[in-house]
Amino acid sequence: MQRIDIHTHILPEHLPRWAEKYGYGGFIHLEHHQSCRAKMMIDDKFFREIESNCWDPEVRIKDCDAHKITMQVISTIPVLFNY
């Protein structure tokens, strides 16, 4: 029997600092501050901490195997809808 994770978020490992390119704020960027961990920042404000299973497919597959997940529905996080 299949087990489907219907709420899976992914991010690229590195997000450009779009505020520097476009001259205004409100964009998400990542600050990698520990091994396999990053802070999601909106400008200089902490938003959320994430782990490497958000960007590393090998880690994601190990997580799926550990929880016996056979399929995932992947979507962006809501704060990135405007990207």
N, C-alpha and C. Protein backbone atom coordinates (compact mmCIF):
# COMPACT_ATOMS: atom_id res chain seq x y z
N MET A 1 0.83 -1.17 0.00
CA MET A 1 0.00 0.00 0.00
C MET A 1 0.89 1.25 0.00
N GLN A 2 0.50 2.25 -0.78
CA GLN A 2 1.26 3.49 -0.85
C GLN A 2 0.91 4.41 0.32
N ARG A 3 1.91 5.15 0.77
CA ARG A 3 1.70 6.22 1.75
C ARG A 3 2.15 7.50 1.07
N ILE A 4 1.26 8.47 1.02
CA ILE A 4 1.54 9.72 0.30
C ILE A 4 1.58 10.88 1.28
N ASP A 5 2.66 11.61 1.24
CA ASP A 5 2.80 12.85 2.01
C ASP A 5 2.22 13.96 1.13
N ILE A 6 1.12 14.55 1.55
CA ILE A 6 0.45 15.53 0.68
C ILE A 6 0.81 16.98 1.03
N HIS A 7 1.77 17.17 1.93
CA HIS A 7 2.14 18.53 2.32
C HIS A 7 3.65 18.62 2.46
N THR A 8 4.33 18.72 1.34
CA THR A 8 5.78 18.73 1.32
C THR A 8 6.28 20.03 0.70
N HIS A 9 7.18 20.70 1.41
CA HIS A 9 7.75 21.94 0.90
C HIS A 9 9.22 21.74 0.53
N ILE A 10 9.62 22.39 -0.53
CA ILE A 10 11.03 22.37 -0.93
C ILE A 10 11.50 23.79 -1.19
N LEU A 11 12.77 23.98 -1.07
CA LEU A 11 13.43 25.25 -1.36
C LEU A 11 14.77 24.95 -2.01
N PRO A 12 15.27 25.87 -2.82
CA PRO A 12 16.64 25.69 -3.28
C PRO A 12 17.60 25.90 -2.10
N GLU A 13 18.77 25.31 -2.16
CA GLU A 13 19.73 25.45 -1.06
C GLU A 13 20.20 26.89 -0.89
N HIS A 14 20.28 27.60 -1.99
CA HIS A 14 20.72 29.00 -1.94
C HIS A 14 19.71 29.87 -2.67
N LEU A 15 19.25 30.90 -2.00
CA LEU A 15 18.35 31.88 -2.62
C LEU A 15 19.13 33.18 -2.81
N PRO A 16 19.06 33.76 -4.00
CA PRO A 16 19.76 35.04 -4.21
C PRO A 16 19.19 36.12 -3.28
N ARG A 17 19.99 37.10 -2.99
CA ARG A 17 19.51 38.26 -2.22
C ARG A 17 18.87 39.24 -3.20
N TRP A 18 17.62 38.96 -3.49
CA TRP A 18 16.91 39.75 -4.51
C TRP A 18 16.79 41.22 -4.12
N ALA A 19 16.76 41.52 -2.83
CA ALA A 19 16.67 42.92 -2.40
C ALA A 19 17.86 43.72 -2.92
N GLU A 20 19.04 43.11 -2.93
CA GLU A 20 20.22 43.79 -3.44
C GLU A 20 20.11 44.03 -4.94
N LYS A 21 19.52 43.09 -5.65
CA LYS A 21 19.39 43.24 -7.10
C LYS A 21 18.32 44.25 -7.48
N TYR A 22 17.18 44.22 -6.78
CA TYR A 22 16.04 45.04 -7.19
C TYR A 22 15.88 46.33 -6.40
N GLY A 23 16.61 46.48 -5.30
CA GLY A 23 16.60 47.74 -4.58
C GLY A 23 15.46 47.93 -3.59
N TYR A 24 14.72 46.88 -3.29
CA TYR A 24 13.68 46.98 -2.24
C TYR A 24 13.59 45.65 -1.52
N GLY A 25 13.02 45.66 -0.32
CA GLY A 25 13.02 44.50 0.54
C GLY A 25 11.78 43.64 0.43
N GLY A 26 11.68 42.73 1.40
CA GLY A 26 10.54 41.83 1.48
C GLY A 26 10.80 40.44 0.92
N PHE A 27 12.01 40.20 0.44
CA PHE A 27 12.34 38.90 -0.14
C PHE A 27 12.90 37.96 0.91
N ILE A 28 12.70 36.68 0.70
CA ILE A 28 13.28 35.63 1.56
C ILE A 28 14.70 35.33 1.09
N HIS A 29 15.61 35.17 2.04
CA HIS A 29 16.92 34.60 1.73
C HIS A 29 17.27 33.64 2.87
N LEU A 30 18.25 32.80 2.63
CA LEU A 30 18.66 31.81 3.62
C LEU A 30 20.02 32.17 4.19
N GLU A 31 20.15 32.01 5.50
CA GLU A 31 21.43 32.15 6.18
C GLU A 31 21.79 30.78 6.74
N HIS A 32 22.76 30.12 6.10
CA HIS A 32 23.22 28.81 6.57
C HIS A 32 24.14 29.06 7.77
N HIS A 33 23.67 28.70 8.96
CA HIS A 33 24.40 29.04 10.18
C HIS A 33 24.92 27.82 10.91
N GLN A 34 24.44 26.63 10.58
CA GLN A 34 24.93 25.38 11.15
C GLN A 34 24.93 24.35 10.03
N SER A 35 25.63 23.26 10.26
CA SER A 35 25.61 22.19 9.28
C SER A 35 24.17 21.68 9.12
N CYS A 36 23.69 21.66 7.90
CA CYS A 36 22.36 21.12 7.57
C CYS A 36 21.21 21.96 8.10
N ARG A 37 21.44 23.20 8.45
CA ARG A 37 20.39 24.08 8.96
C ARG A 37 20.55 25.48 8.36
N ALA A 38 19.41 26.13 8.18
CA ALA A 38 19.44 27.50 7.67
C ALA A 38 18.29 28.30 8.28
N LYS A 39 18.53 29.58 8.45
CA LYS A 39 17.48 30.48 8.89
C LYS A 39 16.86 31.11 7.65
N MET A 40 15.55 31.06 7.56
CA MET A 40 14.85 31.81 6.52
C MET A 40 14.69 33.23 7.05
N MET A 41 15.16 34.16 6.29
CA MET A 41 15.12 35.56 6.70
C MET A 41 14.31 36.37 5.69
N ILE A 42 13.52 37.29 6.19
CA ILE A 42 12.87 38.30 5.35
C ILE A 42 13.58 39.60 5.68
N ASP A 43 14.36 40.07 4.73
CA ASP A 43 15.29 41.17 4.98
C ASP A 43 16.19 40.74 6.14
N ASP A 44 16.22 41.48 7.25
CA ASP A 44 17.05 41.11 8.40
C ASP A 44 16.23 40.47 9.52
N LYS A 45 15.00 40.10 9.25
CA LYS A 45 14.10 39.56 10.27
C LYS A 45 13.99 38.03 10.13
N PHE A 46 14.22 37.34 11.26
CA PHE A 46 14.10 35.89 11.28
C PHE A 46 12.65 35.49 11.02
N PHE A 47 12.47 34.53 10.11
CA PHE A 47 11.13 34.03 9.79
C PHE A 47 10.94 32.61 10.31
N ARG A 48 11.87 31.72 9.99
CA ARG A 48 11.73 30.31 10.35
C ARG A 48 13.08 29.62 10.13
N GLU A 49 13.30 28.54 10.90
CA GLU A 49 14.50 27.74 10.68
C GLU A 49 14.11 26.46 9.94
N ILE A 50 14.95 26.09 9.00
CA ILE A 50 14.69 24.87 8.22
C ILE A 50 15.91 23.97 8.24
N GLU A 51 15.70 22.72 7.88
CA GLU A 51 16.79 21.75 7.83
C GLU A 51 17.03 21.33 6.39
N SER A 52 18.10 20.59 6.21
CA SER A 52 18.54 20.24 4.86
C SER A 52 17.54 19.37 4.10
N ASN A 53 16.57 18.78 4.77
CA ASN A 53 15.57 18.01 4.03
C ASN A 53 14.70 18.90 3.16
N CYS A 54 14.82 20.20 3.32
CA CYS A 54 14.10 21.13 2.43
C CYS A 54 14.81 21.32 1.09
N TRP A 55 16.12 21.06 1.04
CA TRP A 55 16.85 21.30 -0.21
C TRP A 55 17.69 20.11 -0.69
N ASP A 56 17.93 19.15 0.16
CA ASP A 56 18.81 18.03 -0.20
C ASP A 56 17.98 16.78 -0.49
N PRO A 57 17.92 16.35 -1.76
CA PRO A 57 17.08 15.21 -2.10
C PRO A 57 17.50 13.91 -1.40
N GLU A 58 18.79 13.72 -1.15
CA GLU A 58 19.22 12.50 -0.46
C GLU A 58 18.69 12.45 0.97
N VAL A 59 18.71 13.59 1.65
CA VAL A 59 18.16 13.66 3.01
C VAL A 59 16.65 13.44 2.96
N ARG A 60 15.99 14.04 1.97
CA ARG A 60 14.54 13.89 1.83
C ARG A 60 14.17 12.42 1.62
N ILE A 61 14.91 11.72 0.78
CA ILE A 61 14.63 10.31 0.51
C ILE A 61 14.82 9.47 1.78
N LYS A 62 15.87 9.76 2.56
CA LYS A 62 16.07 9.04 3.82
C LYS A 62 14.90 9.27 4.77
N ASP A 63 14.41 10.52 4.85
CA ASP A 63 13.24 10.82 5.68
C ASP A 63 12.03 10.02 5.22
N CYS A 64 11.81 10.00 3.92
CA CYS A 64 10.67 9.25 3.37
C CYS A 64 10.80 7.77 3.70
N ASP A 65 11.97 7.22 3.51
CA ASP A 65 12.17 5.81 3.81
C ASP A 65 11.91 5.52 5.29
N ALA A 66 12.39 6.40 6.17
CA ALA A 66 12.21 6.20 7.61
C ALA A 66 10.74 6.20 8.02
N HIS A 67 9.93 6.99 7.30
CA HIS A 67 8.49 7.09 7.61
C HIS A 67 7.63 6.27 6.67
N LYS A 68 8.28 5.47 5.84
CA LYS A 68 7.58 4.60 4.87
C LYS A 68 6.67 5.39 3.93
N ILE A 69 7.16 6.56 3.50
CA ILE A 69 6.45 7.39 2.52
C ILE A 69 6.88 6.95 1.13
N THR A 70 5.92 6.67 0.27
CA THR A 70 6.25 6.20 -1.08
C THR A 70 6.13 7.30 -2.13
N MET A 71 5.45 8.39 -1.79
CA MET A 71 5.26 9.47 -2.76
C MET A 71 5.03 10.78 -2.00
N GLN A 72 5.49 11.88 -2.58
CA GLN A 72 5.25 13.19 -1.99
C GLN A 72 4.65 14.14 -3.01
N VAL A 73 3.76 15.00 -2.54
CA VAL A 73 3.22 16.09 -3.34
C VAL A 73 4.03 17.32 -2.93
N ILE A 74 4.76 17.88 -3.88
CA ILE A 74 5.70 18.95 -3.58
C ILE A 74 5.10 20.30 -3.96
N SER A 75 5.28 21.27 -3.06
CA SER A 75 4.79 22.62 -3.33
C SER A 75 5.74 23.63 -2.72
N THR A 76 5.64 24.84 -3.20
CA THR A 76 6.44 25.91 -2.63
C THR A 76 5.82 26.34 -1.30
N ILE A 77 6.57 27.10 -0.53
CA ILE A 77 6.03 27.63 0.71
C ILE A 77 5.26 28.91 0.40
N PRO A 78 4.22 29.23 1.17
CA PRO A 78 3.38 30.39 0.86
C PRO A 78 4.14 31.70 0.71
N VAL A 79 5.18 31.94 1.51
CA VAL A 79 5.90 33.21 1.39
C VAL A 79 6.64 33.34 0.08
N LEU A 80 6.74 32.26 -0.70
CA LEU A 80 7.41 32.34 -2.00
C LEU A 80 6.42 32.39 -3.16
N PHE A 81 5.13 32.45 -2.90
CA PHE A 81 4.15 32.48 -3.98
C PHE A 81 4.42 33.63 -4.95
N ASN A 82 4.90 34.76 -4.45
CA ASN A 82 5.12 35.91 -5.33
C ASN A 82 6.40 35.79 -6.15
N TYR A 83 7.19 34.77 -5.95
CA TYR A 83 8.43 34.61 -6.72
C TYR A 83 8.05 34.08 -8.09
